[in-house]
Protein backbone atom coordinates (compact mmCIF):
# COMPACT_ATOMS: atom_id res chain seq x y z
CA UNK A 1 114.70 115.43 166.49
CA UNK A 2 113.78 114.56 162.85
CA UNK A 3 111.93 117.08 160.91
CA UNK A 4 111.58 115.29 157.47
CA UNK A 5 111.72 117.41 154.15
CA UNK A 6 109.98 114.40 152.40
CA UNK A 7 106.52 114.16 151.94
CA UNK A 8 104.79 112.54 154.94
CA UNK A 9 103.17 109.73 152.51
CA UNK A 10 106.57 108.34 152.27
CA UNK A 11 106.71 107.82 156.07
CA UNK A 12 105.54 104.44 157.71
CA UNK A 13 103.40 104.46 160.68
CA UNK A 14 106.19 104.81 163.32
CA UNK A 15 107.85 107.67 161.13
CA UNK A 16 104.48 109.51 160.76
CA UNK A 17 103.67 109.52 164.37
CA UNK A 18 107.39 110.11 165.53
CA UNK A 19 107.47 112.94 163.11
CA UNK A 20 104.50 114.55 164.55
CA UNK A 21 105.64 114.11 168.28
CA UNK A 22 109.13 115.77 167.36
CA UNK A 23 107.47 118.33 165.40
CA UNK A 24 105.35 119.41 168.48
CA UNK A 25 108.53 119.57 170.47
CA UNK A 26 109.86 121.89 167.94
CA UNK A 27 107.01 124.06 168.08
CA UNK A 28 107.23 124.17 171.82
CA UNK A 29 111.03 125.27 171.52
CA UNK A 30 110.11 128.01 168.93
CA UNK A 31 107.34 129.33 171.23
CA UNK A 32 109.64 129.29 174.29
CA UNK A 33 107.63 126.62 176.21
CA UNK A 34 110.79 124.44 176.78
CA UNK A 35 114.32 124.87 177.47
CA UNK A 36 115.61 121.47 175.79
CA UNK A 37 116.71 121.41 172.00
CA UNK A 38 116.92 125.17 171.81
CA UNK A 39 120.00 124.69 169.58
CA UNK A 40 118.94 121.75 167.65
CA UNK A 41 120.10 122.34 164.06
CA UNK A 42 116.79 120.87 162.33
CA UNK A 43 115.42 124.16 163.77
CA UNK A 44 117.52 126.42 161.64
CA UNK A 45 115.53 126.45 158.80
CA UNK A 46 112.31 127.21 160.60
CA UNK A 47 114.08 130.02 162.44
CA UNK A 48 115.08 131.64 159.23
CA UNK A 49 111.43 132.21 158.19
CA UNK A 50 109.50 135.48 158.71
CA UNK A 51 107.13 133.70 161.28
CA UNK A 52 108.83 130.39 162.23
CA UNK A 53 105.81 129.38 164.33
CA UNK A 54 103.56 129.66 161.26
CA UNK A 55 105.94 127.88 158.89
CA UNK A 56 106.07 125.09 161.59
CA UNK A 57 102.10 125.19 161.80
CA UNK A 58 102.06 124.73 158.15
CA UNK A 59 104.31 121.83 158.44
CA UNK A 60 102.30 120.07 161.14
CA UNK A 61 99.01 120.67 159.37
CA UNK A 62 100.48 118.72 156.28
CA UNK A 63 101.42 115.78 158.80
CA UNK A 64 97.91 116.08 160.18
CA UNK A 65 96.33 115.78 156.76
CA UNK A 66 98.38 112.54 156.16
CA UNK A 67 97.31 111.10 159.31
CA UNK A 68 93.68 111.82 158.62
CA UNK A 69 93.89 110.38 155.08
CA UNK A 70 95.38 107.12 156.90
CA UNK A 71 92.63 106.98 159.33
CA UNK A 72 94.73 108.13 162.33
CA UNK A 73 93.55 111.15 164.57
CA UNK A 74 96.30 113.61 165.05
CA UNK A 75 94.87 116.48 167.54
CA UNK A 76 95.01 119.50 165.09
CA UNK A 77 94.24 121.88 168.34
CA UNK A 78 97.86 121.23 169.31
CA UNK A 79 99.03 123.37 166.40
CA UNK A 80 99.93 126.79 167.73
CA UNK A 81 99.50 128.67 164.20
CA UNK A 82 97.63 126.40 161.90
CA UNK A 83 97.06 127.87 158.37
CA UNK A 84 93.64 129.61 157.96
CA UNK A 85 91.64 128.74 154.92
CA UNK A 86 94.49 126.92 153.22
CA UNK A 87 96.96 129.82 153.29
CA UNK A 88 100.36 128.56 153.71
CA UNK A 89 103.75 130.50 154.35
CA UNK A 90 106.26 130.81 151.80
CA UNK A 91 108.06 127.66 150.64
CA UNK A 92 111.22 127.03 152.33
CA UNK A 93 114.12 125.80 149.81
CA UNK A 94 115.39 122.36 150.49
CA UNK A 95 118.68 121.10 148.66
CA UNK A 96 118.34 118.06 146.48
CA UNK A 97 121.42 116.72 148.05
CA UNK A 98 119.60 116.87 151.29
CA UNK A 99 116.43 115.30 150.12
CA UNK A 100 118.60 112.58 148.64
CA UNK A 101 120.24 111.98 152.04
CA UNK A 102 116.81 111.94 153.74
CA UNK A 103 115.56 109.46 151.24
CA UNK A 104 118.37 107.06 151.77
CA UNK A 105 118.03 107.38 155.58
CA UNK A 106 114.29 106.63 155.36
CA UNK A 107 115.04 103.58 152.84
CA UNK A 108 117.18 102.22 155.72
CA UNK A 109 114.65 102.60 158.11
CA UNK A 110 111.91 101.12 156.15
CA UNK A 111 114.11 98.28 155.11
CA UNK A 112 113.85 97.28 158.71
CA UNK A 113 110.58 98.53 160.12
CA UNK A 114 108.35 98.01 157.29
CA UNK A 115 109.66 95.75 154.41
CA UNK A 116 106.48 95.84 152.39
CA UNK A 117 106.61 99.72 152.09
CA UNK A 118 110.25 99.62 151.47
CA UNK A 119 109.64 97.26 148.50
CA UNK A 120 106.90 99.73 147.30
CA UNK A 121 108.86 102.86 147.46
CA UNK A 122 112.52 101.89 147.01
CA UNK A 123 112.12 101.98 143.22
CA UNK A 124 110.71 105.71 142.96
CA UNK A 125 112.64 107.71 140.62
CA UNK A 126 112.66 110.62 142.92
CA UNK A 127 110.94 111.09 146.50
CA UNK A 128 108.24 113.62 146.70
CA UNK A 129 109.07 116.79 149.15
CA UNK A 130 106.89 117.87 152.01
CA UNK A 131 104.61 120.57 150.31
CA UNK A 132 106.10 123.43 152.51
CA UNK A 133 109.51 122.79 150.72
CA UNK A 134 110.78 123.82 147.29
CA UNK A 135 113.60 121.71 145.80
CA UNK A 136 116.69 123.60 144.97
CA UNK A 137 119.97 122.30 143.46
CA UNK A 138 122.50 122.06 146.35
CA UNK A 139 124.34 119.57 148.90
CA UNK A 140 123.30 118.15 152.30
CA UNK A 141 122.17 121.02 154.30
CA UNK A 142 124.56 122.38 156.90
CA UNK A 143 122.10 121.43 159.84
CA UNK A 144 121.77 117.66 158.75
CA UNK A 145 123.43 115.22 161.24
CA UNK A 146 122.97 111.99 159.71
CA UNK A 147 125.20 110.66 157.03
CA UNK A 148 123.89 108.92 153.90
CA UNK A 149 122.71 105.41 154.73
CA UNK A 150 120.83 106.50 158.03
CA UNK A 151 124.01 106.08 160.09
CA UNK A 152 124.82 109.16 162.57
CA UNK A 153 127.52 111.38 161.41
CA UNK A 154 130.95 111.04 163.20
CA UNK A 155 131.62 113.82 165.39
CA UNK A 156 135.11 113.72 164.45
CA UNK A 157 137.94 111.97 162.57
CA UNK A 158 137.45 108.25 161.83
CA UNK A 159 139.05 105.63 164.06
CA UNK A 160 141.99 104.18 162.54
CA UNK A 161 141.79 100.75 161.10
CA UNK A 162 143.33 97.91 162.73
CA UNK A 163 144.80 95.32 160.54
CA UNK A 164 145.00 91.58 160.79
CA UNK A 165 147.10 90.48 163.77
């Protein structure tokens, strides 16, 4: 499950549609409609909100806005608690180290999946965060499970290197 802290305008088609699907799954988890993924670390920051479903609804709403701007049709009726009249819940802090980690992770994906977009965005001074988040100083978030460069973090100590025979 990847709930990007980055603005969805940075995502390519697969990234945007995947984020939509995974965010709907996160919503189902928070609403108690599924038993899977209940302990997924990406949900920590939403669970910490006064109204987790409203926060996730605001997150999904921005994804749907981006999809509409690109000519895609995301079914907004699937959002349990969409913001009414543009009102959004309080912004969620995201450490700048987390944003940088996600940016590196996304750039690695874009280089493989959408080289044209990768060429365009890789030179940005800094990525824009999803509007639900506000950037604060800090390291990679405790819930992050990907290491810089887009590779999954090792669950334990690194394997010893084997030298030449």
